[in-house]
Structures are given as structure tokens and as C-alpha cells.
Amino acid sequence: MLNLLIDLLIYNYTNYISYFFLLNINCKSLIYNISLGLLIDFILNTFLFNTIFLILCYLIRKYIFKFNYNNLIYYYLVNLFFVVSYYFFSNLIYSNITLIEIINVFIINSIFIIICYKKDYSNIKYYR
């Protein structure tokens, strides 16, 4: 929930576009991600878009991307893939895509992904 709070503050009070809540799929359960998606859908008044996307991200990360997440490159690339795919899908449905926003999303979320890696390094589990 802290990532969602930080995300709401940055998104509402700055010009930056952040999707920090997507990093919850790294260390939270499926039930937590479903409840977070429902909360975001209720706040944004979108019909189950975020819930379905978070479930898909969780399942893809758990069953398809079975990498060693202690490696910074894999952790960074997988999380950046989810952030960029969320940006593209949500803006294709609800808005338009601009180059400045893509760069903004890439830079801000890259910094936060690296910070989260340093913070969660001891909690990262090996997926078998």
C-alpha cells in the first residue's frame, strides 16, 4: 500500500507518470494483488482493468518469467516490461501515447525499480 500512496502523491502533485503499484507483484500474494487492483479500479472508475492486469502480471511472473531475481538485470527488465506494457495498454484504451510520456515513464519508474531492488534484495526468493 505504501507504493500505491507514493504513486498517488507523485502522479497527482507532479508532472511525472509513475506506476509504482506494479512492483507489488514481486513480493505480495495473489489475493493482495487482486484487492489492490479492485481498490485502484474503484478509485479510477475503470471496470476491472487494473485487477485483470495485475492478475495477469502475477501469473506471468510466477509461471513464465522464472529467473533468478537476485540478479539486478533480470529484476529490472521484468519489472520494466510490466510497467511499459501497463502504460501502453492503458493509454491505448483510455488515452493517447506520446514520446515525452514514454521517456518520463521509463526514467521515473527505472529509478524506483532500482531503489526497490536495493530495498527488497534480502526478501527476493528464488523461483523454481
Protein backbone atom coordinates (compact mmCIF):
# COMPACT_ATOMS: atom_id res chain seq x y z
CA MET A 1 0.00 0.00 0.00
CA LEU A 2 2.95 2.29 0.53
CA ASN A 3 3.80 2.05 -3.17
CA LEU A 4 0.23 3.00 -4.05
CA LEU A 5 0.36 6.00 -1.71
CA ILE A 6 3.67 7.18 -3.16
CA ASP A 7 2.29 6.60 -6.65
CA LEU A 8 -0.83 8.67 -5.95
CA LEU A 9 1.18 11.53 -4.48
CA ILE A 10 3.68 11.67 -7.34
CA TYR A 11 1.04 11.22 -10.03
CA ASN A 12 -1.28 13.89 -8.63
CA TYR A 13 1.18 16.54 -7.46
CA THR A 14 3.92 16.38 -10.11
CA ASN A 15 4.17 16.12 -13.87
CA TYR A 16 5.70 12.66 -13.66
CA ILE A 17 3.89 9.46 -14.58
CA SER A 18 4.55 6.67 -12.15
CA TYR A 19 3.29 3.11 -11.84
CA PHE A 20 4.89 2.10 -8.56
CA PHE A 21 1.99 -0.12 -7.51
CA LEU A 22 3.08 -2.65 -10.17
CA LEU A 23 6.11 -3.55 -8.06
CA ASN A 24 3.76 -5.19 -5.53
CA ILE A 25 3.66 -8.30 -7.71
CA ASN A 26 7.24 -9.03 -6.65
CA CYS A 27 6.63 -9.87 -3.03
CA LYS A 28 2.87 -9.97 -2.42
CA SER A 29 0.32 -12.75 -2.76
CA LEU A 30 -2.34 -13.09 -5.43
CA ILE A 31 -5.12 -12.09 -3.02
CA TYR A 32 -3.26 -8.89 -2.13
CA ASN A 33 -2.80 -8.04 -5.82
CA ILE A 34 -6.48 -8.69 -6.55
CA SER A 35 -7.57 -6.44 -3.68
CA LEU A 36 -5.11 -3.75 -4.78
CA GLY A 37 -6.44 -3.95 -8.34
CA LEU A 38 -10.03 -3.65 -7.13
CA LEU A 39 -9.10 -0.64 -4.99
CA ILE A 40 -7.38 1.08 -7.92
CA ASP A 41 -10.32 0.26 -10.20
CA PHE A 42 -12.68 1.78 -7.64
CA ILE A 43 -10.55 4.94 -7.31
CA LEU A 44 -10.04 5.40 -11.07
CA ASN A 45 -13.54 4.18 -12.01
CA THR A 46 -12.20 1.67 -14.53
CA PHE A 47 -14.09 -1.57 -14.95
CA LEU A 48 -11.71 -4.33 -13.72
CA PHE A 49 -8.83 -3.23 -15.99
CA ASN A 50 -6.25 -2.98 -13.22
CA THR A 51 -7.44 -6.12 -11.48
CA ILE A 52 -7.17 -8.23 -14.63
CA PHE A 53 -3.80 -6.70 -15.48
CA LEU A 54 -2.37 -7.35 -12.01
CA ILE A 55 -3.60 -10.96 -12.09
CA LEU A 56 -2.02 -11.50 -15.50
CA CYS A 57 1.25 -9.90 -14.37
CA TYR A 58 1.33 -12.07 -11.26
CA LEU A 59 0.70 -15.26 -13.24
CA ILE A 60 3.20 -14.35 -15.96
CA ARG A 61 5.86 -13.55 -13.40
CA LYS A 62 5.21 -16.70 -11.41
CA TYR A 63 4.89 -19.24 -14.24
CA ILE A 64 6.66 -17.79 -17.29
CA PHE A 65 9.44 -15.48 -16.04
CA LYS A 66 11.24 -17.95 -13.79
CA PHE A 67 14.52 -16.10 -13.50
CA ASN A 68 16.90 -15.62 -10.65
CA TYR A 69 15.63 -12.30 -9.35
CA ASN A 70 18.72 -11.74 -7.23
CA ASN A 71 20.30 -10.58 -10.46
CA LEU A 72 19.61 -6.87 -10.93
CA ILE A 73 19.34 -7.10 -14.72
CA TYR A 74 16.55 -9.70 -14.66
CA TYR A 75 14.72 -7.91 -11.87
CA TYR A 76 14.96 -4.60 -13.70
CA LEU A 77 13.97 -5.94 -17.13
CA VAL A 78 10.96 -7.93 -15.90
CA ASN A 79 9.61 -5.06 -13.83
CA LEU A 80 10.23 -2.52 -16.57
CA PHE A 81 8.44 -4.84 -19.01
CA PHE A 82 5.36 -4.81 -16.76
CA VAL A 83 5.46 -1.04 -16.32
CA VAL A 84 5.85 -0.31 -20.03
CA SER A 85 3.18 -2.85 -21.01
CA TYR A 86 0.78 -1.34 -18.46
CA TYR A 87 1.48 2.11 -19.86
CA PHE A 88 0.86 1.02 -23.45
CA PHE A 89 -2.30 -0.97 -22.73
CA SER A 90 -3.85 1.67 -20.51
CA ASN A 91 -3.07 4.50 -22.89
CA LEU A 92 -4.29 2.58 -25.91
CA ILE A 93 -7.62 2.09 -24.16
CA TYR A 94 -8.08 5.38 -22.31
CA SER A 95 -5.75 7.98 -23.85
CA ASN A 96 -3.01 8.57 -26.40
CA ILE A 97 0.71 7.75 -26.34
CA THR A 98 3.37 10.45 -26.61
CA LEU A 99 7.14 10.18 -26.76
CA ILE A 100 7.68 12.54 -23.83
CA GLU A 101 5.42 10.41 -21.63
CA ILE A 102 7.25 7.24 -22.67
CA ILE A 103 10.58 8.77 -21.65
CA ASN A 104 9.03 10.06 -18.44
CA VAL A 105 7.63 6.62 -17.57
CA PHE A 106 10.93 4.95 -18.39
CA ILE A 107 13.12 7.26 -16.29
CA ILE A 108 10.93 7.65 -13.20
CA ASN A 109 9.99 4.01 -12.95
CA SER A 110 13.55 2.85 -13.66
CA ILE A 111 14.81 4.82 -10.70
CA PHE A 112 12.12 3.40 -8.45
CA ILE A 113 12.74 -0.17 -9.65
CA ILE A 114 16.41 0.13 -8.72
CA ILE A 115 15.51 1.58 -5.33
CA CYS A 116 13.07 -1.28 -4.73
CA TYR A 117 15.71 -3.81 -5.71
CA LYS A 118 18.07 -2.41 -3.10
CA LYS A 119 15.27 -2.42 -0.53
CA ASP A 120 13.93 -5.89 -1.35
CA TYR A 121 17.24 -7.60 -2.05
CA SER A 122 17.12 -9.69 1.10
CA ASN A 123 13.45 -10.66 0.52
CA ILE A 124 13.78 -11.82 -3.09
CA LYS A 125 13.00 -15.51 -3.39
CA TYR A 126 14.30 -17.96 -5.93
CA TYR A 127 11.63 -19.29 -8.24
CA ARG A 128 11.96 -22.97 -9.18
